[in-house]
């Protein structure tokens, strides 16, 4: 039979024999071209879970160093479970979305307390761990235990949407149902670890969001979007407009100590930051420095102003020695400001 790549014929993934050859082609390609990433060298469910938490909304290149440092500091689930939250947050500093660190810490304690330090193998029990959703549970089940569990995340969602030519937004309930149905149908009963790794790798390196490398794709002949314009997929809802915010904070130094305030909200709970200022410009002060950082759909300008020392620190505030600030778990933008001003 003539090659589908040459004739333009597409093989339907609804056919069981086509699914089998699709899976084999994808796995063989991954064996030859898959990147050597540190979390792919282990089947330890704890290490897999750490990598999956870190990779949420964070680039692979950024995660690698954090992953190594984390496992040096917390090499086992028991070590993480026994750690103080402040230590956990300090090790996470710079990755952002600190709820991930708190959930990972809570998941380790759940594994220690309910399962004697041994990760459960059942998909439902993995999914019940704090901060573990359907995707992360499937990733741990397949990468650690080689169970046939489907996964849908950013890269695989793009590949699946193109394979089935999904023409509804993937960030809607119907879109998610369609993606998970396709993932379940295509995940093989055997070698799910390799298959899921291959599917993610394909999305990261070949089936990219922009300028997909279709001619290099090992499963091009199965792609329903390829004859059209795969770059138009996946479809997503309109993005929220970026909103500009200003965050004004105080630089208060007294007797070699800096006044900091510990966060209590969901965003920076447990992390230390510079105390907020209500209206610093009313006194004609100029900021000592300012920097910008993104947060979801906000663009925040952090401005730091000099301020007098209070007679008594306020709620959740404390004096921290300037020489020991690097050991304090601090919100990353505030860390940058403190380092700049504490030179």
Protein backbone atom coordinates (compact mmCIF):
# COMPACT_ATOMS: atom_id res chain seq x y z
CA UNK A 1 0.00 0.00 0.00
CA UNK A 2 1.26 3.49 -0.81
CA UNK A 3 2.49 5.61 2.06
CA UNK A 4 -0.19 7.81 3.60
CA UNK A 5 2.45 10.54 3.91
CA UNK A 6 2.79 10.57 0.12
CA UNK A 7 -0.81 10.01 -0.95
CA UNK A 8 -2.45 12.23 1.65
CA UNK A 9 -4.60 9.32 2.89
CA UNK A 10 -5.34 9.47 6.62
CA UNK A 11 -5.70 6.35 8.72
CA UNK A 12 -8.69 6.43 11.07
CA UNK A 13 -7.81 5.99 14.72
CA UNK A 14 -11.27 4.55 15.33
CA UNK A 15 -10.01 1.30 13.84
CA UNK A 16 -8.31 -0.94 16.46
CA UNK A 17 -5.54 -2.05 14.10
CA UNK A 18 -4.74 1.58 13.29
CA UNK A 19 -4.61 2.48 17.00
CA UNK A 20 -2.11 -0.32 17.55
CA UNK A 21 0.19 0.82 14.74
CA UNK A 22 -0.19 4.44 15.91
CA UNK A 23 0.90 3.49 19.43
CA UNK A 24 3.84 1.44 18.15
CA UNK A 25 5.04 4.18 15.82
CA UNK A 26 4.86 6.78 18.56
CA UNK A 27 6.70 4.62 21.10
CA UNK A 28 9.43 3.70 18.62
CA UNK A 29 9.94 7.36 17.75
CA UNK A 30 10.24 8.23 21.44
CA UNK A 31 12.82 5.52 22.02
CA UNK A 32 14.96 7.14 19.35
CA UNK A 33 14.29 10.83 19.91
CA UNK A 34 12.99 11.34 23.47
CA UNK A 35 14.88 13.82 25.62
CA UNK A 36 16.87 12.55 28.60
CA UNK A 37 15.04 14.31 31.43
CA UNK A 38 15.88 13.46 35.06
CA UNK A 39 12.35 12.43 36.05
CA UNK A 40 12.31 9.96 33.16
CA UNK A 41 15.16 8.03 34.78
CA UNK A 42 13.12 6.98 37.80
CA UNK A 43 9.99 4.97 38.55
CA UNK A 44 9.82 6.25 42.13
CA UNK A 45 6.25 7.59 42.53
CA UNK A 46 7.44 10.28 44.95
CA UNK A 47 10.01 11.65 42.49
CA UNK A 48 7.43 11.46 39.70
CA UNK A 49 4.93 13.38 41.84
CA UNK A 50 7.54 16.07 42.61
CA UNK A 51 8.28 16.55 38.92
CA UNK A 52 4.61 16.73 37.99
CA UNK A 53 3.86 19.36 40.65
CA UNK A 54 6.84 21.42 39.53
CA UNK A 55 6.04 21.16 35.83
CA UNK A 56 2.56 22.61 36.29
CA UNK A 57 2.70 26.01 34.53
CA UNK A 58 6.52 25.97 34.56
CA UNK A 59 8.99 25.33 31.74
CA UNK A 60 11.11 22.16 31.73
CA UNK A 61 14.37 24.12 31.62
CA UNK A 62 13.41 25.98 34.81
CA UNK A 63 12.28 22.86 36.65
CA UNK A 64 15.41 20.73 36.19
CA UNK A 65 17.58 22.55 38.75
CA UNK A 66 14.72 22.86 41.22
CA UNK A 67 13.98 19.14 40.86
CA UNK A 68 17.58 18.15 41.68
CA UNK A 69 17.81 20.55 44.63
CA UNK A 70 14.47 19.40 46.00
CA UNK A 71 15.38 15.72 45.95
CA UNK A 72 18.72 16.49 47.57
CA UNK A 73 16.92 18.27 50.40
CA UNK A 74 13.88 15.94 50.58
CA UNK A 75 15.04 12.62 49.04
CA UNK A 76 12.04 10.58 50.20
CA UNK A 77 8.36 11.10 50.86
CA UNK A 78 9.09 10.62 54.56
CA UNK A 79 11.71 13.39 54.49
CA UNK A 80 9.25 15.80 52.92
CA UNK A 81 6.47 14.79 55.29
CA UNK A 82 8.72 15.53 58.29
CA UNK A 83 9.81 18.95 57.02
CA UNK A 84 8.56 22.30 58.33
CA UNK A 85 6.35 24.27 55.94
CA UNK A 86 8.76 27.23 56.04
CA UNK A 87 11.56 24.98 54.80
CA UNK A 88 9.32 23.59 52.06
CA UNK A 89 8.33 27.06 50.88
CA UNK A 90 11.95 28.23 50.93
CA UNK A 91 13.00 25.35 48.67
CA UNK A 92 10.09 26.14 46.32
CA UNK A 93 10.88 29.85 46.17
CA UNK A 94 11.01 31.15 42.61
CA UNK A 95 8.72 28.53 41.08
CA UNK A 96 5.60 30.49 41.97
CA UNK A 97 2.06 29.22 42.61
CA UNK A 98 3.06 28.25 46.14
CA UNK A 99 -0.14 26.30 46.71
CA UNK A 100 1.63 23.58 44.72
CA UNK A 101 4.34 23.33 47.38
CA UNK A 102 1.83 23.25 50.22
CA UNK A 103 -0.22 20.58 48.45
CA UNK A 104 2.88 18.51 47.73
CA UNK A 105 3.82 18.75 51.41
CA UNK A 106 0.29 17.72 52.43
CA UNK A 107 0.30 14.83 49.94
CA UNK A 108 3.56 13.52 51.42
CA UNK A 109 2.06 13.63 54.90
CA UNK A 110 -1.06 11.82 53.66
CA UNK A 111 1.09 9.06 52.13
CA UNK A 112 3.06 8.77 55.37
CA UNK A 113 0.05 8.81 57.68
CA UNK A 114 -2.47 6.77 55.68
CA UNK A 115 -0.26 4.46 53.61
CA UNK A 116 2.79 3.98 55.82
CA UNK A 117 5.02 5.91 53.43
CA UNK A 118 4.19 3.68 50.43
CA UNK A 119 2.40 5.33 47.53
CA UNK A 120 -0.94 3.79 46.62
CA UNK A 121 -1.11 2.21 43.15
CA UNK A 122 -4.84 2.67 42.64
CA UNK A 123 -5.71 5.61 40.40
CA UNK A 124 -8.57 6.73 42.64
CA UNK A 125 -6.39 6.79 45.75
CA UNK A 126 -3.63 8.71 43.96
CA UNK A 127 -6.21 11.23 42.71
CA UNK A 128 -7.47 11.73 46.28
CA UNK A 129 -4.10 13.08 47.46
CA UNK A 130 -4.01 16.86 48.09
CA UNK A 131 -3.44 18.87 44.90
CA UNK A 132 -3.57 15.79 42.68
CA UNK A 133 -6.09 16.02 39.87
CA UNK A 134 -7.00 13.65 37.09
CA UNK A 135 -3.94 14.40 35.00
CA UNK A 136 -1.38 14.15 37.82
CA UNK A 137 -2.93 10.92 39.06
CA UNK A 138 -2.67 9.45 35.57
CA UNK A 139 0.93 10.62 35.26
CA UNK A 140 1.97 8.97 38.53
CA UNK A 141 0.04 5.79 37.71
CA UNK A 142 1.61 5.45 34.27
CA UNK A 143 5.13 6.81 34.83
CA UNK A 144 5.70 5.16 38.22
CA UNK A 145 3.63 1.97 37.93
CA UNK A 146 3.22 1.59 34.13
CA UNK A 147 -0.56 1.40 34.53
CA UNK A 148 -2.80 2.13 31.57
CA UNK A 149 -3.96 5.59 32.65
CA UNK A 150 -4.77 8.39 30.18
CA UNK A 151 -3.27 11.85 30.62
CA UNK A 152 -4.36 15.23 29.30
CA UNK A 153 -2.15 18.28 29.87
CA UNK A 154 -1.03 21.19 27.70
CA UNK A 155 1.16 19.22 25.30
CA UNK A 156 -1.00 16.12 25.00
CA UNK A 157 -4.15 18.23 24.68
CA UNK A 158 -2.65 19.95 21.65
CA UNK A 159 -1.65 16.64 20.05
CA UNK A 160 -5.01 15.03 20.73
CA UNK A 161 -6.98 18.06 19.48
CA UNK A 162 -5.08 17.89 16.20
CA UNK A 163 -5.29 14.12 15.88
CA UNK A 164 -9.09 14.16 16.15
CA UNK A 165 -9.47 17.63 14.56
CA UNK A 166 -11.35 18.93 17.59
CA UNK A 167 -13.14 22.13 16.61
CA UNK A 168 -14.45 23.25 20.00
CA UNK A 169 -12.48 25.08 22.72
CA UNK A 170 -10.42 22.66 24.77
CA UNK A 171 -10.77 24.82 27.89
CA UNK A 172 -14.51 24.15 28.13
CA UNK A 173 -16.31 21.19 29.68
CA UNK A 174 -17.30 19.68 26.28
CA UNK A 175 -13.74 20.15 25.01
CA UNK A 176 -12.25 18.46 28.05
CA UNK A 177 -14.68 15.56 27.76
CA UNK A 178 -13.69 15.07 24.13
CA UNK A 179 -9.97 15.15 24.95
CA UNK A 180 -10.25 12.69 27.83
CA UNK A 181 -12.39 10.37 25.73
CA UNK A 182 -9.75 10.40 22.99
CA UNK A 183 -6.95 9.88 25.54
CA UNK A 184 -8.74 6.90 27.08
CA UNK A 185 -9.36 5.36 23.66
CA UNK A 186 -5.75 5.75 22.51
CA UNK A 187 -3.83 4.78 25.67
CA UNK A 188 -2.55 1.20 25.27
CA UNK A 189 -3.05 -1.52 27.84
CA UNK A 190 0.70 -2.20 27.85
CA UNK A 191 3.68 0.18 27.79
CA UNK A 192 1.55 3.12 28.94
CA UNK A 193 4.65 4.64 30.55
CA UNK A 194 6.41 4.87 27.20
CA UNK A 195 3.28 5.85 25.30
CA UNK A 196 2.36 8.73 27.61
CA UNK A 197 5.96 9.95 27.66
CA UNK A 198 6.00 9.82 23.87
CA UNK A 199 2.73 11.70 23.54
CA UNK A 200 4.02 14.49 25.82
CA UNK A 201 7.35 14.58 24.01
CA UNK A 202 5.65 14.85 20.64
CA UNK A 203 3.69 17.87 21.81
CA UNK A 204 6.73 19.53 23.36
CA UNK A 205 9.14 19.10 20.45
CA UNK A 206 7.26 18.41 17.19
CA UNK A 207 3.53 19.14 17.49
CA UNK A 208 4.25 22.60 18.86
CA UNK A 209 1.70 25.36 19.29
CA UNK A 210 3.43 27.49 16.66
CA UNK A 211 5.04 26.18 13.49
CA UNK A 212 4.36 22.49 14.15
CA UNK A 213 6.92 20.25 12.46
CA UNK A 214 4.39 18.04 10.66
CA UNK A 215 6.90 16.58 8.22
CA UNK A 216 8.91 15.24 11.18
CA UNK A 217 5.87 13.75 12.90
CA UNK A 218 6.02 9.96 13.28
CA UNK A 219 2.21 9.71 13.34
CA UNK A 220 1.34 12.26 10.66
CA UNK A 221 -0.75 9.80 8.68
CA UNK A 222 -3.13 9.43 11.64
CA UNK A 223 -3.66 13.20 12.09
CA UNK A 224 -7.09 14.42 11.00
CA UNK A 225 -5.94 18.07 11.16
CA UNK A 226 -2.85 17.67 8.98
CA UNK A 227 -4.60 18.25 5.60
CA UNK A 228 -6.07 21.48 6.96
CA UNK A 229 -4.16 23.91 9.19
CA UNK A 230 -2.99 22.22 12.39
CA UNK A 231 -1.60 25.49 13.74
CA UNK A 232 -5.19 26.71 14.16
CA UNK A 233 -5.74 23.99 16.74
CA UNK A 234 -6.36 23.68 19.58
CA UNK A 235 -9.12 26.24 19.89
CA UNK A 236 -9.32 28.07 23.20
CA UNK A 237 -11.64 30.62 24.74
CA UNK A 238 -10.66 34.28 24.40
CA UNK A 239 -7.96 35.22 26.89
CA UNK A 240 -8.69 37.68 29.64
CA UNK A 241 -7.32 41.17 29.12
CA UNK A 242 -4.16 41.97 31.10
CA UNK A 243 -4.88 44.24 34.06
CA UNK A 244 -2.24 46.58 35.48
CA UNK A 245 -1.87 46.66 39.27
CA UNK A 246 0.42 48.55 41.62
CA UNK A 247 1.72 47.01 44.83
CA UNK A 248 3.23 49.55 47.24
CA UNK A 249 5.40 48.29 50.09
CA UNK A 250 7.59 49.66 52.85
CA UNK A 251 11.34 49.40 53.36
CA UNK A 252 11.80 49.64 57.13
CA UNK A 253 15.26 48.92 58.54
CA UNK A 254 16.10 49.35 62.22
CA UNK A 255 19.23 48.21 64.04
CA UNK A 256 20.28 45.84 61.30
CA UNK A 257 16.86 44.26 60.95
CA UNK A 258 14.21 44.48 58.24
CA UNK A 259 10.49 44.51 59.00
CA UNK A 260 8.64 41.79 57.09
CA UNK A 261 5.05 40.62 57.05
CA UNK A 262 3.92 37.04 56.62
CA UNK A 263 1.24 36.35 54.03
CA UNK A 264 -2.05 34.86 55.19
CA UNK A 265 -4.05 34.69 51.96
CA UNK A 266 -4.11 31.84 49.46
CA UNK A 267 -1.61 33.54 47.15
CA UNK A 268 1.43 33.85 49.43
CA UNK A 269 0.32 32.06 52.58
CA UNK A 270 3.27 31.47 54.90
CA UNK A 271 5.71 33.51 52.79
CA UNK A 272 7.33 36.69 54.05
CA UNK A 273 7.16 39.95 52.13
CA UNK A 274 7.62 43.67 52.60
CA UNK A 275 4.76 45.33 54.55
CA UNK A 276 2.12 47.03 52.40
CA UNK A 277 1.71 50.80 52.24
CA UNK A 278 -1.67 52.42 51.68
CA UNK A 279 -0.78 55.73 49.99
CA UNK A 280 2.98 56.45 49.94
CA UNK A 281 2.74 59.20 47.33
CA UNK A 282 0.58 61.30 49.66
CA UNK A 283 3.74 62.21 51.61
CA UNK A 284 5.67 63.04 48.47
CA UNK A 285 7.98 60.06 48.80
CA UNK A 286 9.78 58.64 45.77
CA UNK A 287 10.17 54.88 45.50
CA UNK A 288 13.56 53.46 46.37
CA UNK A 289 13.07 50.96 43.56
CA UNK A 290 10.38 49.28 41.52
CA UNK A 291 10.04 46.13 39.48
CA UNK A 292 7.36 44.40 37.43
CA UNK A 293 6.12 40.83 37.57
CA UNK A 294 3.17 38.90 36.10
CA UNK A 295 0.52 37.12 38.11
CA UNK A 296 -2.19 35.21 36.21
CA UNK A 297 -3.71 37.91 33.96
CA UNK A 298 -2.29 40.81 35.97
CA UNK A 299 0.87 42.81 35.36
CA UNK A 300 2.00 44.03 38.77
CA UNK A 301 4.36 46.91 39.48
CA UNK A 302 5.97 46.49 42.89
CA UNK A 303 7.14 49.81 44.35
CA UNK A 304 9.17 50.04 47.54
CA UNK A 305 9.22 53.22 49.62
CA UNK A 306 11.17 54.21 52.73
CA UNK A 307 9.08 54.27 55.89
CA UNK A 308 9.69 54.89 59.61
CA UNK A 309 9.93 52.03 62.07
CA UNK A 310 6.74 51.39 64.07
CA UNK A 311 6.82 51.32 67.83
CA UNK A 312 5.33 47.82 67.74
CA UNK A 313 5.20 45.51 64.71
CA UNK A 314 1.73 44.92 63.34
CA UNK A 315 -0.17 41.69 62.92
CA UNK A 316 1.90 38.94 61.24
CA UNK A 317 4.94 41.24 61.17
CA UNK A 318 8.41 40.52 62.54
CA UNK A 319 11.92 41.95 62.49
CA UNK A 320 14.36 39.80 60.50
CA UNK A 321 18.16 40.27 60.62
CA UNK A 322 19.46 41.59 57.30
CA UNK A 323 22.26 39.03 57.35
CA UNK A 324 19.84 36.09 57.59
CA UNK A 325 17.30 37.01 54.95
CA UNK A 326 18.40 34.30 52.51
CA UNK A 327 17.14 31.64 54.92
CA UNK A 328 13.66 33.20 55.10
CA UNK A 329 10.92 31.83 52.83
CA UNK A 330 10.01 34.93 50.84
CA UNK A 331 7.71 35.76 47.94
CA UNK A 332 9.93 35.83 44.82
CA UNK A 333 9.21 39.44 43.69
CA UNK A 334 9.85 40.68 47.21
CA UNK A 335 13.04 38.64 47.37
CA UNK A 336 14.24 40.42 44.23
CA UNK A 337 13.41 43.81 45.76
CA UNK A 338 15.11 42.98 49.05
CA UNK A 339 18.25 41.75 47.33
CA UNK A 340 18.44 44.91 45.25
CA UNK A 341 18.02 47.20 48.26
CA UNK A 342 20.18 45.16 50.64
CA UNK A 343 23.36 45.33 48.54
